[in-house]
């Protein structure tokens, strides 16, 4: 059982203590069991494989500087990773694990991003990992996460060989595409981020029901489609920002709901999301980005103007307590 009742994290990566060891040991064993079965590994022919890790072995690792971190979802431990300081700016990442029922929704990627930033925070410059060479899919996945294969090694009579990969630590966040399964997470980010403006302008569901602070997961599900591109800003393993692009045809893309959670503002993350969207539109062959500003905010309009957007028009609507400002950014002709 890996339910930890006293942890109230909705979706977060946190350091684990020794009292959590039985829980994360189980997550490691269950997560690595499928690949062990696939490669016909057993406790007899490959006793050190994570699928057969013991609580005692993990306790010994902790004594050698093994720092465990867990990914919690609704209070449940569903993912795990560890870091060990090897000296000279190198940190070793081990036992990255996500329970089978929670894969392919970005948890593994979030754990890797967390380790990159945690390593940089601790003064490290590189991360090393050890993988099973025979698991080619895993090697490809780590390559997509910016790891570079360095060398291979065979250990005794083990039925598998090992590959070693490295990547640079990162002090910044990462922008990643989001799937429909992540709507509850980015829906919360949108609502919390736009709450600031809603309170400032005294907006309610009654006087401004279409404001982003009141958007529902059902509405986000409805607008998710073939020409809709939602992206999240991941920082220290947490989703702290959001933006979406919608292809409107004829080279025009609509950018919506660019937001950063209040406690992470004024750190340049909003600008990073905006630059990312500009580059993405160029990549997709677009010519223009359109935005609409719902808040009567001179400061926000000035920020977009400083980032190359040009005022197009302002409109008033009977169902809204303030005018809506429309602005455009054109892809430079030299690009």
Protein backbone atom coordinates (compact mmCIF):
# COMPACT_ATOMS: atom_id res chain seq x y z
CA UNK A 1 0.00 0.00 0.00
CA UNK A 2 1.47 3.40 -0.97
CA UNK A 3 -1.18 5.77 0.38
CA UNK A 4 0.34 8.24 2.85
CA UNK A 5 -2.59 9.76 4.68
CA UNK A 6 -0.80 12.79 6.18
CA UNK A 7 0.47 14.11 2.83
CA UNK A 8 -1.98 16.59 1.28
CA UNK A 9 -0.08 17.40 -1.91
CA UNK A 10 -2.27 17.52 -5.00
CA UNK A 11 0.59 16.97 -7.42
CA UNK A 12 4.01 17.75 -6.02
CA UNK A 13 7.56 16.48 -5.65
CA UNK A 14 8.85 16.50 -2.10
CA UNK A 15 11.84 15.09 -0.20
CA UNK A 16 11.15 11.82 1.59
CA UNK A 17 12.19 10.76 5.06
CA UNK A 18 13.15 7.37 6.45
CA UNK A 19 9.57 6.79 7.64
CA UNK A 20 8.49 6.85 3.99
CA UNK A 21 11.04 4.18 3.00
CA UNK A 22 8.61 1.21 2.96
CA UNK A 23 6.27 3.17 0.68
CA UNK A 24 8.85 4.31 -1.88
CA UNK A 25 10.59 0.91 -1.80
CA UNK A 26 7.29 -0.59 -2.92
CA UNK A 27 6.88 2.05 -5.67
CA UNK A 28 10.37 1.17 -6.99
CA UNK A 29 9.73 -2.59 -6.97
CA UNK A 30 6.29 -2.37 -8.60
CA UNK A 31 7.48 0.14 -11.22
CA UNK A 32 10.51 -1.90 -12.28
CA UNK A 33 8.74 -5.28 -12.21
CA UNK A 34 7.45 -5.12 -15.84
CA UNK A 35 10.91 -4.56 -17.35
CA UNK A 36 12.41 -7.26 -15.13
CA UNK A 37 9.78 -9.68 -16.42
CA UNK A 38 10.38 -8.57 -20.02
CA UNK A 39 14.16 -9.13 -19.75
CA UNK A 40 13.70 -12.38 -17.77
CA UNK A 41 15.54 -11.01 -14.76
CA UNK A 42 15.17 -12.72 -11.41
CA UNK A 43 16.44 -12.21 -7.90
CA UNK A 44 18.90 -15.03 -8.61
CA UNK A 45 20.40 -13.87 -11.94
CA UNK A 46 20.22 -10.09 -11.28
CA UNK A 47 19.80 -9.43 -7.54
CA UNK A 48 20.72 -5.73 -7.71
CA UNK A 49 18.02 -4.79 -10.21
CA UNK A 50 15.58 -2.20 -8.72
CA UNK A 51 12.70 -4.66 -9.10
CA UNK A 52 14.28 -6.65 -6.25
CA UNK A 53 15.50 -3.78 -4.06
CA UNK A 54 15.14 -4.38 -0.34
CA UNK A 55 14.37 -1.89 2.39
CA UNK A 56 17.73 -2.72 3.95
CA UNK A 57 19.61 -1.89 0.75
CA UNK A 58 17.84 1.48 0.52
CA UNK A 59 18.77 2.22 4.14
CA UNK A 60 22.41 1.57 3.26
CA UNK A 61 22.15 3.92 0.27
CA UNK A 62 20.78 6.69 2.49
CA UNK A 63 23.89 6.44 4.67
CA UNK A 64 25.98 7.08 1.54
CA UNK A 65 24.22 10.33 0.63
CA UNK A 66 21.15 9.01 -1.22
CA UNK A 67 18.49 11.76 -1.33
CA UNK A 68 14.99 10.35 -2.08
CA UNK A 69 12.15 12.39 -3.58
CA UNK A 70 8.53 11.39 -4.17
CA UNK A 71 5.82 12.51 -6.57
CA UNK A 72 2.46 12.68 -4.80
CA UNK A 73 -0.90 12.75 -6.52
CA UNK A 74 -3.95 13.35 -4.32
CA UNK A 75 -1.90 12.21 -1.32
CA UNK A 76 -0.73 9.04 -3.05
CA UNK A 77 2.93 8.32 -3.74
CA UNK A 78 2.99 7.43 -7.44
CA UNK A 79 6.53 8.34 -8.51
CA UNK A 80 10.07 8.30 -7.14
CA UNK A 81 13.60 9.42 -7.92
CA UNK A 82 16.85 9.87 -5.99
CA UNK A 83 19.99 11.99 -6.24
CA UNK A 84 23.45 11.23 -4.85
CA UNK A 85 26.28 13.78 -4.78
CA UNK A 86 29.31 12.06 -6.37
CA UNK A 87 31.58 15.11 -6.07
CA UNK A 88 33.20 17.40 -8.64
CA UNK A 89 29.82 18.80 -9.68
CA UNK A 90 28.38 15.38 -10.62
CA UNK A 91 25.13 14.04 -9.18
CA UNK A 92 23.90 10.50 -9.81
CA UNK A 93 20.19 10.03 -10.49
CA UNK A 94 18.82 6.60 -9.54
CA UNK A 95 15.64 4.56 -9.35
CA UNK A 96 13.41 6.91 -11.34
CA UNK A 97 10.07 5.13 -11.10
CA UNK A 98 6.42 5.80 -11.95
CA UNK A 99 3.71 3.32 -11.05
CA UNK A 100 2.27 1.63 -14.20
CA UNK A 101 -1.17 3.18 -13.84
CA UNK A 102 0.24 6.71 -13.85
CA UNK A 103 2.56 6.63 -16.85
CA UNK A 104 2.50 8.70 -20.05
CA UNK A 105 1.08 11.81 -18.39
CA UNK A 106 4.39 13.61 -17.81
CA UNK A 107 5.28 12.45 -14.29
CA UNK A 108 8.61 10.89 -15.33
CA UNK A 109 9.52 14.03 -17.25
CA UNK A 110 8.59 16.18 -14.24
CA UNK A 111 10.86 14.08 -12.01
CA UNK A 112 13.77 14.47 -14.45
CA UNK A 113 13.20 18.23 -14.69
CA UNK A 114 13.09 18.41 -10.90
CA UNK A 115 16.44 16.60 -10.63
CA UNK A 116 18.06 18.92 -13.18
CA UNK A 117 16.98 21.98 -11.22
CA UNK A 118 17.68 20.46 -7.78
CA UNK A 119 21.19 19.52 -8.93
CA UNK A 120 21.81 23.09 -10.09
CA UNK A 121 20.37 24.41 -6.81
CA UNK A 122 22.84 22.22 -4.88
CA UNK A 123 25.77 23.51 -6.93
CA UNK A 124 26.04 20.54 -9.29
CA UNK A 125 26.73 20.82 -13.00
CA UNK A 126 25.94 17.36 -14.38
CA UNK A 127 23.67 14.37 -13.77
CA UNK A 128 24.69 10.80 -14.55
CA UNK A 129 22.45 7.75 -14.86
CA UNK A 130 22.90 4.03 -15.32
CA UNK A 131 20.46 2.20 -17.61
CA UNK A 132 20.03 -1.33 -18.89
CA UNK A 133 21.30 -1.38 -22.49
CA UNK A 134 18.77 -3.98 -23.50
CA UNK A 135 15.96 -1.54 -22.65
CA UNK A 136 16.31 0.48 -25.87
CA UNK A 137 13.03 2.32 -25.36
CA UNK A 138 14.28 3.74 -22.07
CA UNK A 139 17.54 4.90 -23.66
CA UNK A 140 15.54 6.71 -26.35
CA UNK A 141 13.36 8.34 -23.72
CA UNK A 142 16.37 9.65 -21.78
CA UNK A 143 17.86 10.93 -25.04
CA UNK A 144 14.65 12.94 -25.52
CA UNK A 145 15.25 14.37 -22.02
CA UNK A 146 18.66 15.76 -23.15
CA UNK A 147 20.81 12.91 -21.80
CA UNK A 148 23.85 11.87 -23.86
CA UNK A 149 25.12 8.29 -23.99
CA UNK A 150 28.77 8.14 -22.81
CA UNK A 151 29.82 4.49 -22.48
CA UNK A 152 28.78 0.90 -21.82
CA UNK A 153 29.92 -1.66 -19.27
CA UNK A 154 29.38 -5.34 -18.55
CA UNK A 155 29.35 -6.54 -14.94
CA UNK A 156 30.47 -10.11 -14.34
CA UNK A 157 28.02 -12.82 -15.38
CA UNK A 158 24.90 -10.67 -15.27
CA UNK A 159 22.50 -11.37 -18.17
CA UNK A 160 22.39 -7.64 -19.07
CA UNK A 161 24.87 -4.87 -19.83
CA UNK A 162 24.74 -1.30 -18.60
CA UNK A 163 24.88 2.02 -20.38
CA UNK A 164 25.82 5.35 -18.86
CA UNK A 165 24.35 8.70 -19.81
CA UNK A 166 24.84 12.30 -18.68
CA UNK A 167 23.08 15.63 -18.97
CA UNK A 168 23.65 19.17 -17.77
CA UNK A 169 21.91 20.49 -14.69
CA UNK A 170 19.43 23.30 -15.30
CA UNK A 171 18.55 26.21 -13.05
CA UNK A 172 15.52 27.19 -15.10
CA UNK A 173 12.20 25.60 -15.81
CA UNK A 174 11.02 23.67 -18.83
CA UNK A 175 8.07 24.22 -21.15
CA UNK A 176 6.27 21.04 -22.18
CA UNK A 177 3.13 20.15 -24.17
CA UNK A 178 0.19 19.03 -22.04
CA UNK A 179 -2.24 16.18 -22.63
CA UNK A 180 -6.00 16.00 -21.92
CA UNK A 181 -5.18 13.87 -18.85
CA UNK A 182 -3.44 16.92 -17.36
CA UNK A 183 -6.47 19.19 -17.64
CA UNK A 184 -7.25 19.02 -13.88
CA UNK A 185 -3.71 20.24 -13.15
CA UNK A 186 -3.48 23.08 -15.62
CA UNK A 187 -7.10 24.00 -14.95
CA UNK A 188 -6.13 24.69 -11.34
CA UNK A 189 -3.12 26.77 -12.48
CA UNK A 190 -5.33 28.89 -14.75
CA UNK A 191 -7.99 29.49 -12.12
CA UNK A 192 -5.53 30.33 -9.36
CA UNK A 193 -3.44 32.58 -11.62
CA UNK A 194 -6.42 34.62 -12.85
CA UNK A 195 -7.91 34.91 -9.36
CA UNK A 196 -5.70 37.96 -8.75
CA UNK A 197 -7.34 39.94 -11.56
CA UNK A 198 -10.81 38.65 -10.72
CA UNK A 199 -10.51 39.93 -7.15
CA UNK A 200 -9.00 43.25 -8.26
CA UNK A 201 -11.93 43.93 -10.62
CA UNK A 202 -14.57 42.37 -8.36
CA UNK A 203 -15.50 39.78 -10.97
CA UNK A 204 -17.92 36.99 -10.13
CA UNK A 205 -19.52 34.09 -11.96
CA UNK A 206 -22.61 36.28 -12.21
CA UNK A 207 -21.12 39.47 -13.70
CA UNK A 208 -18.34 37.83 -15.78
CA UNK A 209 -18.90 34.07 -16.12
CA UNK A 210 -16.46 33.66 -19.05
CA UNK A 211 -13.45 35.08 -17.20
CA UNK A 212 -10.56 32.60 -16.99
CA UNK A 213 -10.76 32.49 -13.19
CA UNK A 214 -14.08 30.65 -13.56
CA UNK A 215 -13.17 28.30 -16.39
CA UNK A 216 -14.17 24.69 -15.76
CA UNK A 217 -12.35 21.47 -16.57
CA UNK A 218 -15.33 20.58 -18.75
CA UNK A 219 -14.79 23.73 -20.82
CA UNK A 220 -11.06 23.01 -21.14
CA UNK A 221 -11.92 19.51 -22.33
CA UNK A 222 -14.34 20.96 -24.86
CA UNK A 223 -11.76 23.30 -26.43
CA UNK A 224 -9.00 20.66 -26.53
CA UNK A 225 -8.71 19.53 -30.13
CA UNK A 226 -6.54 18.97 -33.18
CA UNK A 227 -5.58 22.63 -33.63
CA UNK A 228 -5.24 23.44 -29.92
CA UNK A 229 -1.81 23.41 -28.30
CA UNK A 230 -1.62 23.71 -24.48
CA UNK A 231 1.80 24.10 -22.82
CA UNK A 232 2.91 24.05 -19.21
CA UNK A 233 5.83 25.71 -17.48
CA UNK A 234 7.48 23.19 -15.13
CA UNK A 235 9.62 24.53 -12.30
CA UNK A 236 11.20 22.27 -9.65
CA UNK A 237 8.85 19.54 -10.81
CA UNK A 238 5.71 21.64 -10.35
CA UNK A 239 3.37 22.98 -13.01
CA UNK A 240 3.49 26.73 -12.28
CA UNK A 241 2.53 28.33 -15.59
CA UNK A 242 0.33 27.82 -18.63
CA UNK A 243 -0.31 29.11 -22.13
CA UNK A 244 -2.22 27.82 -25.16
CA UNK A 245 -2.07 28.35 -28.91
CA UNK A 246 -4.96 27.75 -31.29
CA UNK A 247 -4.51 27.58 -35.03
CA UNK A 248 -7.21 29.81 -36.55
CA UNK A 249 -6.09 29.21 -40.14
CA UNK A 250 -4.48 31.49 -42.76
CA UNK A 251 -1.30 31.68 -40.67
CA UNK A 252 -3.04 33.15 -37.60
CA UNK A 253 -2.62 31.68 -34.13
CA UNK A 254 -4.57 32.79 -31.08
CA UNK A 255 -2.63 32.82 -27.80
CA UNK A 256 -4.75 32.42 -24.68
CA UNK A 257 -4.54 32.17 -20.90
CA UNK A 258 -0.85 32.95 -20.51
CA UNK A 259 -0.43 32.81 -16.75
CA UNK A 260 2.02 32.16 -13.93
CA UNK A 261 1.03 31.26 -10.37
CA UNK A 262 1.29 34.37 -8.13
CA UNK A 263 4.21 33.17 -5.99
CA UNK A 264 6.34 32.51 -9.09
CA UNK A 265 5.84 35.87 -10.79
CA UNK A 266 8.49 38.51 -11.57
CA UNK A 267 11.08 35.82 -12.32
CA UNK A 268 10.89 35.99 -16.11
CA UNK A 269 8.77 32.87 -16.57
CA UNK A 270 5.94 34.71 -18.34
CA UNK A 271 8.44 36.14 -20.82
CA UNK A 272 9.83 32.65 -21.41
CA UNK A 273 6.33 31.36 -22.21
CA UNK A 274 5.76 34.26 -24.59
CA UNK A 275 9.08 33.72 -26.40
CA UNK A 276 8.30 30.00 -26.61
CA UNK A 277 4.93 30.76 -28.27
CA UNK A 278 6.53 33.08 -30.81
CA UNK A 279 9.08 30.41 -31.73
CA UNK A 280 6.39 27.71 -31.84
CA UNK A 281 4.23 29.76 -34.23
CA UNK A 282 7.24 30.27 -36.51
CA UNK A 283 7.94 26.51 -36.32
CA UNK A 284 4.32 25.77 -37.29
CA UNK A 285 4.51 28.12 -40.28
CA UNK A 286 2.36 30.85 -38.73
CA UNK A 287 2.46 34.55 -39.56
CA UNK A 288 0.64 36.20 -36.67
CA UNK A 289 -0.33 35.81 -33.00
CA UNK A 290 -3.56 37.39 -31.75
CA UNK A 291 -4.34 38.03 -28.07
CA UNK A 292 -7.25 39.53 -26.16
CA UNK A 293 -6.78 41.27 -22.81
CA UNK A 294 -9.84 41.08 -20.61
CA UNK A 295 -8.56 43.23 -17.78
CA UNK A 296 -8.47 47.00 -18.19
CA UNK A 297 -4.77 46.95 -17.27
CA UNK A 298 -2.37 49.52 -18.68
CA UNK A 299 0.54 47.65 -17.10
CA UNK A 300 -0.35 44.39 -18.85
CA UNK A 301 -0.88 46.15 -22.17
CA UNK A 302 2.50 47.89 -21.79
CA UNK A 303 4.14 44.53 -21.12
CA UNK A 304 2.77 43.06 -24.34
CA UNK A 305 3.72 46.23 -26.24
CA UNK A 306 7.29 45.91 -24.94
CA UNK A 307 7.26 42.33 -26.27
CA UNK A 308 6.34 43.38 -29.81
CA UNK A 309 2.53 43.29 -29.75
CA UNK A 310 0.59 46.10 -31.42
CA UNK A 311 -2.81 47.44 -30.41
CA UNK A 312 -5.53 46.54 -32.94
CA UNK A 313 -8.84 47.55 -31.38
CA UNK A 314 -10.91 47.68 -28.22
CA UNK A 315 -14.49 46.45 -27.93
CA UNK A 316 -17.20 46.67 -25.29
CA UNK A 317 -19.63 43.85 -24.63
CA UNK A 318 -22.93 44.02 -22.78
CA UNK A 319 -22.12 40.95 -20.69
CA UNK A 320 -18.69 42.23 -19.56
CA UNK A 321 -17.90 44.99 -17.03
CA UNK A 322 -14.93 46.32 -19.03
CA UNK A 323 -13.77 46.57 -22.66
CA UNK A 324 -11.65 43.87 -24.30
CA UNK A 325 -8.37 44.93 -25.91
CA UNK A 326 -7.07 43.08 -28.98
CA UNK A 327 -3.39 43.05 -29.90
CA UNK A 328 -1.31 41.33 -32.60
CA UNK A 329 2.26 40.19 -33.06
CA UNK A 330 3.51 39.65 -36.62
CA UNK A 331 6.27 37.19 -37.43
CA UNK A 332 9.21 39.31 -38.67
CA UNK A 333 9.66 39.02 -42.43
CA UNK A 334 13.34 38.13 -42.11
CA UNK A 335 12.51 34.92 -40.19
